Structure formats: structure tokens, C-alpha cells
PDB file of N, CA and C in Angstrom:
ATOM      1  N   MET A   1     -23.260   9.917  -3.414  1.00  0.00           N
ATOM      2  CA  MET A   1     -21.959   9.770  -4.031  1.00  0.00           C
ATOM      3  C   MET A   1     -20.903   9.904  -2.925  1.00  0.00           C
ATOM      4  N   LYS A   2     -19.968   8.960  -2.895  1.00  0.00           N
ATOM      5  CA  LYS A   2     -18.894   9.002  -1.904  1.00  0.00           C
ATOM      6  C   LYS A   2     -17.688   9.728  -2.508  1.00  0.00           C
ATOM      7  N   ILE A   3     -17.120  10.622  -1.724  1.00  0.00           N
ATOM      8  CA  ILE A   3     -15.981  11.423  -2.160  1.00  0.00           C
ATOM      9  C   ILE A   3     -14.746  11.012  -1.360  1.00  0.00           C
ATOM     10  N   LEU A   4     -13.633  10.858  -2.045  1.00  0.00           N
ATOM     11  CA  LEU A   4     -12.344  10.603  -1.407  1.00  0.00           C
ATOM     12  C   LEU A   4     -11.418  11.753  -1.802  1.00  0.00           C
ATOM     13  N   ILE A   5     -10.680  12.256  -0.832  1.00  0.00           N
ATOM     14  CA  ILE A   5      -9.794  13.391  -1.112  1.00  0.00           C
ATOM     15  C   ILE A   5      -8.401  12.878  -1.466  1.00  0.00           C
ATOM     16  N   CYS A   6      -8.022  13.071  -2.711  1.00  0.00           N
ATOM     17  CA  CYS A   6      -6.685  12.715  -3.177  1.00  0.00           C
ATOM     18  C   CYS A   6      -5.734  13.842  -2.768  1.00  0.00           C
ATOM     19  N   PRO A   7      -4.601  13.504  -2.126  1.00  0.00           N
ATOM     20  CA  PRO A   7      -3.665  14.560  -1.731  1.00  0.00           C
ATOM     21  C   PRO A   7      -3.104  15.355  -2.911  1.00  0.00           C
ATOM     22  N   LEU A   8      -3.096  14.774  -4.093  1.00  0.00           N
ATOM     23  CA  LEU A   8      -2.562  15.457  -5.271  1.00  0.00           C
ATOM     24  C   LEU A   8      -3.646  16.174  -6.067  1.00  0.00           C
ATOM     25  N   ASN A   9      -4.803  15.531  -6.222  1.00  0.00           N
ATOM     26  CA  ASN A   9      -5.846  16.024  -7.123  1.00  0.00           C
ATOM     27  C   ASN A   9      -7.087  16.573  -6.442  1.00  0.00           C
ATOM     28  N   GLY A  10      -7.155  16.511  -5.128  1.00  0.00           N
ATOM     29  CA  GLY A  10      -8.314  17.038  -4.414  1.00  0.00           C
ATOM     30  C   GLY A  10      -9.473  16.059  -4.345  1.00  0.00           C
ATOM     31  N   PRO A  11     -10.661  16.541  -3.968  1.00  0.00           N
ATOM     32  CA  PRO A  11     -11.838  15.679  -3.810  1.00  0.00           C
ATOM     33  C   PRO A  11     -12.281  15.078  -5.145  1.00  0.00           C
ATOM     34  N   ARG A  12     -12.501  13.768  -5.135  1.00  0.00           N
ATOM     35  CA  ARG A  12     -12.923  13.053  -6.341  1.00  0.00           C
ATOM     36  C   ARG A  12     -13.927  11.971  -5.960  1.00  0.00           C
ATOM     37  N   ASN A  13     -14.737  11.577  -6.925  1.00  0.00           N
ATOM     38  CA  ASN A  13     -15.673  10.474  -6.745  1.00  0.00           C
ATOM     39  C   ASN A  13     -14.892   9.193  -6.474  1.00  0.00           C
ATOM     40  N   ILE A  14     -15.385   8.378  -5.564  1.00  0.00           N
ATOM     41  CA  ILE A  14     -14.686   7.144  -5.180  1.00  0.00           C
ATOM     42  C   ILE A  14     -14.464   6.208  -6.376  1.00  0.00           C
ATOM     43  N   SER A  15     -15.272   6.348  -7.421  1.00  0.00           N
ATOM     44  CA  SER A  15     -15.115   5.487  -8.604  1.00  0.00           C
ATOM     45  C   SER A  15     -13.802   5.750  -9.341  1.00  0.00           C
ATOM     46  N   GLU A  16     -13.119   6.859  -9.039  1.00  0.00           N
ATOM     47  CA  GLU A  16     -11.842   7.178  -9.673  1.00  0.00           C
ATOM     48  C   GLU A  16     -10.656   6.505  -8.990  1.00  0.00           C
ATOM     49  N   PHE A  17     -10.910   5.727  -7.937  1.00  0.00           N
ATOM     50  CA  PHE A  17      -9.833   5.160  -7.141  1.00  0.00           C
ATOM     51  C   PHE A  17      -9.862   3.634  -7.133  1.00  0.00           C
ATOM     52  N   THR A  18      -8.700   3.055  -6.886  1.00  0.00           N
ATOM     53  CA  THR A  18      -8.566   1.615  -6.705  1.00  0.00           C
ATOM     54  C   THR A  18      -7.893   1.363  -5.363  1.00  0.00           C
ATOM     55  N   TYR A  19      -8.494   0.476  -4.588  1.00  0.00           N
ATOM     56  CA  TYR A  19      -7.943   0.085  -3.285  1.00  0.00           C
ATOM     57  C   TYR A  19      -6.694  -0.760  -3.506  1.00  0.00           C
ATOM     58  N   GLY A  20      -5.622  -0.461  -2.778  1.00  0.00           N
ATOM     59  CA  GLY A  20      -4.367  -1.180  -2.971  1.00  0.00           C
ATOM     60  C   GLY A  20      -3.946  -2.062  -1.812  1.00  0.00           C
ATOM     61  N   GLY A  21      -4.781  -2.198  -0.802  1.00  0.00           N
ATOM     62  CA  GLY A  21      -4.449  -3.065   0.333  1.00  0.00           C
ATOM     63  C   GLY A  21      -3.924  -2.281   1.522  1.00  0.00           C
ATOM     64  N   GLU A  22      -3.798  -2.985   2.624  1.00  0.00           N
ATOM     65  CA  GLU A  22      -3.343  -2.324   3.843  1.00  0.00           C
ATOM     66  C   GLU A  22      -1.852  -2.029   3.776  1.00  0.00           C
ATOM     67  N   PHE A  23      -1.465  -0.963   4.435  1.00  0.00           N
ATOM     68  CA  PHE A  23      -0.054  -0.607   4.525  1.00  0.00           C
ATOM     69  C   PHE A  23       0.592  -1.460   5.610  1.00  0.00           C
ATOM     70  N   LYS A  24       1.708  -2.074   5.259  1.00  0.00           N
ATOM     71  CA  LYS A  24       2.492  -2.849   6.227  1.00  0.00           C
ATOM     72  C   LYS A  24       3.954  -2.479   6.044  1.00  0.00           C
ATOM     73  N   HIS A  25       4.675  -2.485   7.132  1.00  0.00           N
ATOM     74  CA  HIS A  25       6.106  -2.207   7.040  1.00  0.00           C
ATOM     75  C   HIS A  25       6.796  -3.406   6.380  1.00  0.00           C
ATOM     76  N   MET A  26       7.586  -3.122   5.369  1.00  0.00           N
ATOM     77  CA  MET A  26       8.251  -4.161   4.600  1.00  0.00           C
ATOM     78  C   MET A  26       9.463  -4.698   5.366  1.00  0.00           C
ATOM     79  N   PRO A  27       9.590  -6.026   5.454  1.00  0.00           N
ATOM     80  CA  PRO A  27      10.801  -6.568   6.067  1.00  0.00           C
ATOM     81  C   PRO A  27      11.999  -6.348   5.144  1.00  0.00           C
ATOM     82  N   ASP A  28      13.179  -6.413   5.702  1.00  0.00           N
ATOM     83  CA  ASP A  28      14.393  -6.239   4.901  1.00  0.00           C
ATOM     84  C   ASP A  28      14.497  -7.392   3.908  1.00  0.00           C
ATOM     85  N   PRO A  29      14.381  -7.134   2.608  1.00  0.00           N
ATOM     86  CA  PRO A  29      14.398  -8.222   1.624  1.00  0.00           C
ATOM     87  C   PRO A  29      15.721  -8.979   1.596  1.00  0.00           C
ATOM     88  N   ALA A  30      16.795  -8.364   2.066  1.00  0.00           N
ATOM     89  CA  ALA A  30      18.096  -9.031   2.041  1.00  0.00           C
ATOM     90  C   ALA A  30      18.276 -10.000   3.203  1.00  0.00           C
ATOM     91  N   SER A  31      17.520  -9.806   4.292  1.00  0.00           N
ATOM     92  CA  SER A  31      17.771 -10.643   5.460  1.00  0.00           C
ATOM     93  C   SER A  31      16.555 -11.410   5.969  1.00  0.00           C
ATOM     94  N   CYS A  32      15.373 -11.169   5.418  1.00  0.00           N
ATOM     95  CA  CYS A  32      14.196 -11.878   5.928  1.00  0.00           C
ATOM     96  C   CYS A  32      14.106 -13.274   5.330  1.00  0.00           C
ATOM     97  N   SER A  33      13.376 -14.125   6.012  1.00  0.00           N
ATOM     98  CA  SER A  33      13.179 -15.496   5.533  1.00  0.00           C
ATOM     99  C   SER A  33      12.106 -15.502   4.445  1.00  0.00           C
ATOM    100  N   ASP A  34      12.024 -16.598   3.723  1.00  0.00           N
ATOM    101  CA  ASP A  34      10.979 -16.741   2.705  1.00  0.00           C
ATOM    102  C   ASP A  34       9.594 -16.668   3.349  1.00  0.00           C
ATOM    103  N   ALA A  35       9.456 -17.238   4.534  1.00  0.00           N
ATOM    104  CA  ALA A  35       8.172 -17.219   5.233  1.00  0.00           C
ATOM    105  C   ALA A  35       7.785 -15.794   5.625  1.00  0.00           C
ATOM    106  N   GLN A  36       8.741 -14.996   6.082  1.00  0.00           N
ATOM    107  CA  GLN A  36       8.460 -13.604   6.437  1.00  0.00           C
ATOM    108  C   GLN A  36       8.061 -12.802   5.205  1.00  0.00           C
ATOM    109  N   TRP A  37       8.755 -13.034   4.091  1.00  0.00           N
ATOM    110  CA  TRP A  37       8.427 -12.309   2.862  1.00  0.00           C
ATOM    111  C   TRP A  37       7.046 -12.718   2.353  1.00  0.00           C
ATOM    112  N   ALA A  38       6.748 -14.015   2.384  1.00  0.00           N
ATOM    113  CA  ALA A  38       5.433 -14.492   1.941  1.00  0.00           C
ATOM    114  C   ALA A  38       4.323 -13.917   2.820  1.00  0.00           C
ATOM    115  N   ASP A  39       4.569 -13.824   4.125  1.00  0.00           N
ATOM    116  CA  ASP A  39       3.587 -13.236   5.033  1.00  0.00           C
ATOM    117  C   ASP A  39       3.337 -11.772   4.669  1.00  0.00           C
ATOM    118  N   TYR A  40       4.400 -11.045   4.374  1.00  0.00           N
ATOM    119  CA  TYR A  40       4.287  -9.636   3.990  1.00  0.00           C
ATOM    120  C   TYR A  40       3.488  -9.470   2.693  1.00  0.00           C
ATOM    121  N   VAL A  41       3.768 -10.312   1.709  1.00  0.00           N
ATOM    122  CA  VAL A  41       3.150 -10.175   0.395  1.00  0.00           C
ATOM    123  C   VAL A  41       1.701 -10.664   0.373  1.00  0.00           C
ATOM    124  N   PHE A  42       1.424 -11.794   1.013  1.00  0.00           N
ATOM    125  CA  PHE A  42       0.137 -12.454   0.819  1.00  0.00           C
ATOM    126  C   PHE A  42      -0.869 -12.315   1.954  1.00  0.00           C
ATOM    127  N   ASN A  43      -0.454 -11.975   3.153  1.00  0.00           N
ATOM    128  CA  ASN A  43      -1.366 -11.956   4.293  1.00  0.00           C
ATOM    129  C   ASN A  43      -1.680 -10.533   4.738  1.00  0.00           C
ATOM    130  N   SER A  44      -2.854 -10.359   5.295  1.00  0.00           N
ATOM    131  CA  SER A  44      -3.235  -9.065   5.850  1.00  0.00           C
ATOM    132  C   SER A  44      -3.847  -9.283   7.226  1.00  0.00           C
ATOM    133  N   ASP A  45      -3.797  -8.245   8.045  1.00  0.00           N
ATOM    134  CA  ASP A  45      -4.334  -8.349   9.400  1.00  0.00           C
ATOM    135  C   ASP A  45      -5.856  -8.295   9.411  1.00  0.00           C
ATOM    136  N   ASN A  46      -6.454  -7.556   8.489  1.00  0.00           N
ATOM    137  CA  ASN A  46      -7.905  -7.453   8.363  1.00  0.00           C
ATOM    138  C   ASN A  46      -8.570  -7.106   9.695  1.00  0.00           C
ATOM    139  N   MET A  47      -8.009  -6.124  10.389  1.00  0.00           N
ATOM    140  CA  MET A  47      -8.525  -5.776  11.707  1.00  0.00           C
ATOM    141  C   MET A  47      -9.637  -4.741  11.642  1.00  0.00           C
ATOM    142  N   ALA A  48     -10.488  -4.768  12.653  1.00  0.00           N
ATOM    143  CA  ALA A  48     -11.532  -3.753  12.778  1.00  0.00           C
ATOM    144  C   ALA A  48     -10.933  -2.551  13.494  1.00  0.00           C
ATOM    145  N   GLY A  49     -11.167  -1.377  12.954  1.00  0.00           N
ATOM    146  CA  GLY A  49     -10.633  -0.165  13.556  1.00  0.00           C
ATOM    147  C   GLY A  49      -9.913   0.674  12.527  1.00  0.00           C
ATOM    148  N   VAL A  50      -9.059   1.569  13.004  1.00  0.00           N
ATOM    149  CA  VAL A  50      -8.348   2.488  12.124  1.00  0.00           C
ATOM    150  C   VAL A  50      -7.136   1.784  11.509  1.00  0.00           C
ATOM    151  N   VAL A  51      -7.071   1.796  10.193  1.00  0.00           N
ATOM    152  CA  VAL A  51      -5.954   1.190   9.464  1.00  0.00           C
ATOM    153  C   VAL A  51      -5.438   2.200   8.435  1.00  0.00           C
ATOM    154  N   ILE A  52      -4.218   1.986   7.998  1.00  0.00           N
ATOM    155  CA  ILE A  52      -3.640   2.781   6.907  1.00  0.00           C
ATOM    156  C   ILE A  52      -3.648   1.899   5.664  1.00  0.00           C
ATOM    157  N   GLU A  53      -4.145   2.455   4.568  1.00  0.00           N
ATOM    158  CA  GLU A  53      -4.303   1.687   3.335  1.00  0.00           C
ATOM    159  C   GLU A  53      -3.702   2.429   2.148  1.00  0.00           C
ATOM    160  N   TRP A  54      -3.283   1.649   1.153  1.00  0.00           N
ATOM    161  CA  TRP A  54      -2.829   2.206  -0.115  1.00  0.00           C
ATOM    162  C   TRP A  54      -4.043   2.436  -1.006  1.00  0.00           C
ATOM    163  N   TRP A  55      -4.050   3.591  -1.694  1.00  0.00           N
ATOM    164  CA  TRP A  55      -5.078   3.899  -2.675  1.00  0.00           C
ATOM    165  C   TRP A  55      -4.413   4.483  -3.914  1.00  0.00           C
ATOM    166  N   LEU A  56      -5.004   4.209  -5.063  1.00  0.00           N
ATOM    167  CA  LEU A  56      -4.507   4.711  -6.344  1.00  0.00           C
ATOM    168  C   LEU A  56      -5.562   5.591  -6.984  1.00  0.00           C
ATOM    169  N   HIS A  57      -5.172   6.811  -7.356  1.00  0.00           N
ATOM    170  CA  HIS A  57      -6.058   7.639  -8.181  1.00  0.00           C
ATOM    171  C   HIS A  57      -5.798   7.213  -9.620  1.00  0.00           C
ATOM    172  N   ASN A  58      -6.768   6.556 -10.222  1.00  0.00           N
ATOM    173  CA  ASN A  58      -6.580   5.926 -11.532  1.00  0.00           C
ATOM    174  C   ASN A  58      -6.193   6.906 -12.637  1.00  0.00           C
ATOM    175  N   ALA A  59      -6.831   8.064 -12.658  1.00  0.00           N
ATOM    176  CA  ALA A  59      -6.586   9.017 -13.758  1.00  0.00           C
ATOM    177  C   ALA A  59      -5.173   9.575 -13.755  1.00  0.00           C
ATOM    178  N   SER A  60      -4.581   9.729 -12.576  1.00  0.00           N
ATOM    179  CA  SER A  60      -3.236  10.317 -12.514  1.00  0.00           C
ATOM    180  C   SER A  60      -2.154   9.291 -12.155  1.00  0.00           C
ATOM    181  N   SER A  61      -2.556   8.042 -11.882  1.00  0.00           N
ATOM    182  CA  SER A  61      -1.626   6.984 -11.458  1.00  0.00           C
ATOM    183  C   SER A  61      -0.860   7.382 -10.197  1.00  0.00           C
ATOM    184  N   TYR A  62      -1.509   8.119  -9.332  1.00  0.00           N
ATOM    185  CA  TYR A  62      -0.885   8.597  -8.096  1.00  0.00           C
ATOM    186  C   TYR A  62      -1.273   7.697  -6.923  1.00  0.00           C
ATOM    187  N   TRP A  63      -0.276   7.083  -6.300  1.00  0.00           N
ATOM    188  CA  TRP A  63      -0.487   6.252  -5.120  1.00  0.00           C
ATOM    189  C   TRP A  63      -0.365   7.116  -3.875  1.00  0.00           C
ATOM    190  N   PHE A  64      -1.283   6.933  -2.941  1.00  0.00           N
ATOM    191  CA  PHE A  64      -1.239   7.663  -1.680  1.00  0.00           C
ATOM    192  C   PHE A  64      -1.766   6.770  -0.564  1.00  0.00           C
ATOM    193  N   LEU A  65      -1.700   7.269   0.653  1.00  0.00           N
ATOM    194  CA  LEU A  65      -2.152   6.520   1.813  1.00  0.00           C
ATOM    195  C   LEU A  65      -3.382   7.179   2.421  1.00  0.00           C
ATOM    196  N   ALA A  66      -4.259   6.345   2.961  1.00  0.00           N
ATOM    197  CA  ALA A  66      -5.456   6.841   3.643  1.00  0.00           C
ATOM    198  C   ALA A  66      -5.583   6.143   4.984  1.00  0.00           C
ATOM    199  N   GLU A  67      -5.945   6.915   5.982  1.00  0.00           N
ATOM    200  CA  GLU A  67      -6.273   6.367   7.292  1.00  0.00           C
ATOM    201  C   GLU A  67      -7.788   6.223   7.307  1.00  0.00           C
ATOM    202  N   ARG A  68      -8.274   4.976   7.465  1.00  0.00           N
ATOM    203  CA  ARG A  68      -9.712   4.715   7.362  1.00  0.00           C
ATOM    204  C   ARG A  68     -10.154   3.816   8.499  1.00  0.00           C
ATOM    205  N   HIS A  69     -11.326   4.093   9.043  1.00  0.00           N
ATOM    206  CA  HIS A  69     -11.906   3.228  10.070  1.00  0.00           C
ATOM    207  C   HIS A  69     -12.700   2.155   9.335  1.00  0.00           C
ATOM    208  N   THR A  70     -12.308   0.896   9.505  1.00  0.00           N
ATOM    209  CA  THR A  70     -12.899  -0.181   8.716  1.00  0.00           C
ATOM    210  C   THR A  70     -14.330  -0.523   9.125  1.00  0.00           C
ATOM    211  N   VAL A  71     -14.733  -0.163  10.325  1.00  0.00           N
ATOM    212  CA  VAL A  71     -16.104  -0.449  10.760  1.00  0.00           C
ATOM    213  C   VAL A  71     -17.068   0.601  10.235  1.00  0.00           C
ATOM    214  N   SER A  72     -16.730   1.866  10.398  1.00  0.00           N
ATOM    215  CA  SER A  72     -17.621   2.947   9.944  1.00  0.00           C
ATOM    216  C   SER A  72     -17.361   3.348   8.490  1.00  0.00           C
ATOM    217  N   ASP A  73     -16.264   2.910   7.917  1.00  0.00           N
ATOM    218  CA  ASP A  73     -15.819   3.264   6.558  1.00  0.00           C
ATOM    219  C   ASP A  73     -15.535   4.759   6.429  1.00  0.00           C
ATOM    220  N   GLN A  74     -15.270   5.414   7.539  1.00  0.00           N
ATOM    221  CA  GLN A  74     -14.944   6.838   7.519  1.00  0.00           C
ATOM    222  C   GLN A  74     -13.457   7.022   7.234  1.00  0.00           C
ATOM    223  N   VAL A  75     -13.134   7.847   6.249  1.00  0.00           N
ATOM    224  CA  VAL A  75     -11.749   8.180   5.941  1.00  0.00           C
ATOM    225  C   VAL A  75     -11.355   9.350   6.836  1.00  0.00           C
ATOM    226  N   LEU A  76     -10.379   9.119   7.704  1.00  0.00           N
ATOM    227  CA  LEU A  76      -9.967  10.140   8.662  1.00  0.00           C
ATOM    228  C   LEU A  76      -9.021  11.148   8.029  1.00  0.00           C
ATOM    229  N   ARG A  77      -8.144  10.666   7.156  1.00  0.00           N
ATOM    230  CA  ARG A  77      -7.237  11.562   6.443  1.00  0.00           C
ATOM    231  C   ARG A  77      -6.592  10.804   5.299  1.00  0.00           C
ATOM    232  N   THR A  78      -6.127  11.548   4.312  1.00  0.00           N
ATOM    233  CA  THR A  78      -5.324  10.999   3.224  1.00  0.00           C
ATOM    234  C   THR A  78      -4.024  11.787   3.211  1.00  0.00           C
ATOM    235  N   PHE A  79      -2.937  11.110   2.795  1.00  0.00           N
ATOM    236  CA  PHE A  79      -1.651  11.798   2.814  1.00  0.00           C
ATOM    237  C   PHE A  79      -0.679  11.167   1.835  1.00  0.00           C
ATOM    238  N   ASP A  80       0.334  11.961   1.475  1.00  0.00           N
ATOM    239  CA  ASP A  80       1.377  11.535   0.550  1.00  0.00           C
ATOM    240  C   ASP A  80       2.287  10.521   1.247  1.00  0.00           C
ATOM    241  N   PRO A  81       2.696   9.477   0.558  1.00  0.00           N
ATOM    242  CA  PRO A  81       3.587   8.478   1.158  1.00  0.00           C
ATOM    243  C   PRO A  81       4.912   9.052   1.656  1.00  0.00           C
ATOM    244  N   LYS A  82       5.310  10.224   1.160  1.00  0.00           N
ATOM    245  CA  LYS A  82       6.556  10.845   1.625  1.00  0.00           C
ATOM    246  C   LYS A  82       6.552  11.072   3.130  1.00  0.00           C
ATOM    247  N   GLU A  83       5.378  11.122   3.741  1.00  0.00           N
ATOM    248  CA  GLU A  83       5.303  11.290   5.188  1.00  0.00           C
ATOM    249  C   GLU A  83       5.870  10.079   5.929  1.00  0.00           C
ATOM    250  N   LEU A  84       5.858   8.915   5.288  1.00  0.00           N
ATOM    251  CA  LEU A  84       6.364   7.693   5.928  1.00  0.00           C
ATOM    252  C   LEU A  84       7.682   7.196   5.352  1.00  0.00           C
ATOM    253  N   PHE A  85       7.974   7.566   4.119  1.00  0.00           N
ATOM    254  CA  PHE A  85       9.168   7.049   3.452  1.00  0.00           C
ATOM    255  C   PHE A  85      10.185   8.158   3.236  1.00  0.00           C
ATOM    256  N   ASP A  86      11.439   7.874   3.579  1.00  0.00           N
ATOM    257  CA  ASP A  86      12.481   8.871   3.367  1.00  0.00           C
ATOM    258  C   ASP A  86      13.569   8.395   2.412  1.00  0.00           C
ATOM    259  N   CYS A  87      13.463   7.153   1.952  1.00  0.00           N
ATOM    260  CA  CYS A  87      14.451   6.661   0.983  1.00  0.00           C
ATOM    261  C   CYS A  87      13.814   5.571   0.126  1.00  0.00           C
ATOM    262  N   ARG A  88      14.436   5.324  -0.990  1.00  0.00           N
ATOM    263  CA  ARG A  88      13.975   4.299  -1.922  1.00  0.00           C
ATOM    264  C   ARG A  88      14.651   2.983  -1.600  1.00  0.00           C
ATOM    265  N   VAL A  89      13.923   1.879  -1.718  1.00  0.00           N
ATOM    266  CA  VAL A  89      14.491   0.551  -1.506  1.00  0.00           C
ATOM    267  C   VAL A  89      14.807  -0.036  -2.870  1.00  0.00           C
ATOM    268  N   ASP A  90      16.073  -0.343  -3.097  1.00  0.00           N
ATOM    269  CA  ASP A  90      16.468  -0.973  -4.351  1.00  0.00           C
ATOM    270  C   ASP A  90      16.548  -2.479  -4.144  1.00  0.00           C
ATOM    271  N   PHE A  91      16.005  -3.211  -5.078  1.00  0.00           N
ATOM    272  CA  PHE A  91      16.032  -4.663  -5.018  1.00  0.00           C
ATOM    273  C   PHE A  91      17.067  -5.177  -6.012  1.00  0.00           C
ATOM    274  N   THR A  92      17.829  -6.154  -5.595  1.00  0.00           N
ATOM    275  CA  THR A  92      18.755  -6.797  -6.511  1.00  0.00           C
ATOM    276  C   THR A  92      18.116  -8.088  -6.990  1.00  0.00           C
ATOM    277  N   PRO A  93      18.243  -8.407  -8.247  1.00  0.00           N
ATOM    278  CA  PRO A  93      17.623  -9.635  -8.746  1.00  0.00           C
ATOM    279  C   PRO A  93      18.199 -10.857  -8.037  1.00  0.00           C
ATOM    280  N   ALA A  94      17.329 -11.814  -7.804  1.00  0.00           N
ATOM    281  CA  ALA A  94      17.764 -13.058  -7.170  1.00  0.00           C
ATOM    282  C   ALA A  94      18.630 -13.827  -8.143  1.00  0.00           C
ATOM    283  N   ALA A  95      19.620 -14.514  -7.626  1.00  0.00           N
ATOM    284  CA  ALA A  95      20.482 -15.347  -8.453  1.00  0.00           C
ATOM    285  C   ALA A  95      19.651 -16.519  -8.974  1.00  0.00           C
ATOM    286  N   THR A  96      19.754 -16.775 -10.262  1.00  0.00           N
ATOM    287  CA  THR A  96      19.016 -17.887 -10.842  1.00  0.00           C
ATOM    288  C   THR A  96      19.992 -18.944 -11.295  1.00  0.00           C
ATOM    289  N   SER A  97      19.603 -20.158 -11.116  1.00  0.00           N
ATOM    290  CA  SER A  97      20.467 -21.249 -11.570  1.00  0.00           C
ATOM    291  C   SER A  97      19.958 -21.716 -12.925  1.00  0.00           C
ATOM    292  N   GLU A  98      20.878 -22.106 -13.758  1.00  0.00           N
ATOM    293  CA  GLU A  98      20.511 -22.575 -15.086  1.00  0.00           C
ATOM    294  C   GLU A  98      19.953 -23.973 -14.984  1.00  0.00           C
ATOM    295  N   ILE A  99      18.926 -24.230 -15.768  1.00  0.00           N
ATOM    296  CA  ILE A  99      18.306 -25.551 -15.780  1.00  0.00           C
ATOM    297  C   ILE A  99      19.032 -26.404 -16.796  1.00  0.00           C
ATOM    298  N   ALA A 100      19.567 -27.517 -16.303  1.00  0.00           N
ATOM    299  CA  ALA A 100      20.281 -28.435 -17.209  1.00  0.00           C
ATOM    300  C   ALA A 100      19.263 -29.220 -17.999  1.00  0.00           C
ATOM    301  N   GLY A 101      19.572 -29.416 -19.194  1.00  0.00           N
ATOM    302  CA  GLY A 101      18.602 -30.224 -19.905  1.00  0.00           C
ATOM    303  C   GLY A 101      18.899 -30.219 -21.314  1.00  0.00           C
TER     304      GLY A 101
END
């Protein structure tokens, strides 16, 4: 049985978690191009070595980050996202044009 340590709930069976993808720094949504935003949303580096990934503890809906070596599958540490984020990003809805018809 593989155990993953949730920073909020402690050691749990890996079946209680959902992988959320690699952590990437978000470009400024107000100034980035559509291509930069699409790259951020849809592409991943998929590199061999130590990466930071998003994980969700399903039972508590708690999102956290894990540093994991992708070759050995060893989790080096798990931590609260507050270690990387110090403010909330607010998104403004995109202006929509009315469809004539």
C-alpha cells in the first residue's frame, strides 16, 4: 500500500488522492497573449526528475503541493500552497460581444 502524507490530514492511502498536474507559475492573465495562456493551461513539461505537483485529498477537498521525483516516484515532501502563494488572483470576466441574429 502506498502512503501519501497530506499536510492537513496526515498519512493516507494513495487511493484517497487525485493527481492535479504539475505546478507552473501562472502568467499575468491581464497581459499575456492567448498563446501564452494556452501553453499554461494545456501543456506540461513532463520532465524526468524532481517536480512540484498539485494533489487533492478527495475526502477533505484539500489541495496541496508535493515535490516528487518522477523517475523513482518518491515523494520528497508535501506542503501547503501558502508556502508559494501570498495573495489571491482575481479574474475579471472577458468582454463578450452580442451575436447578431
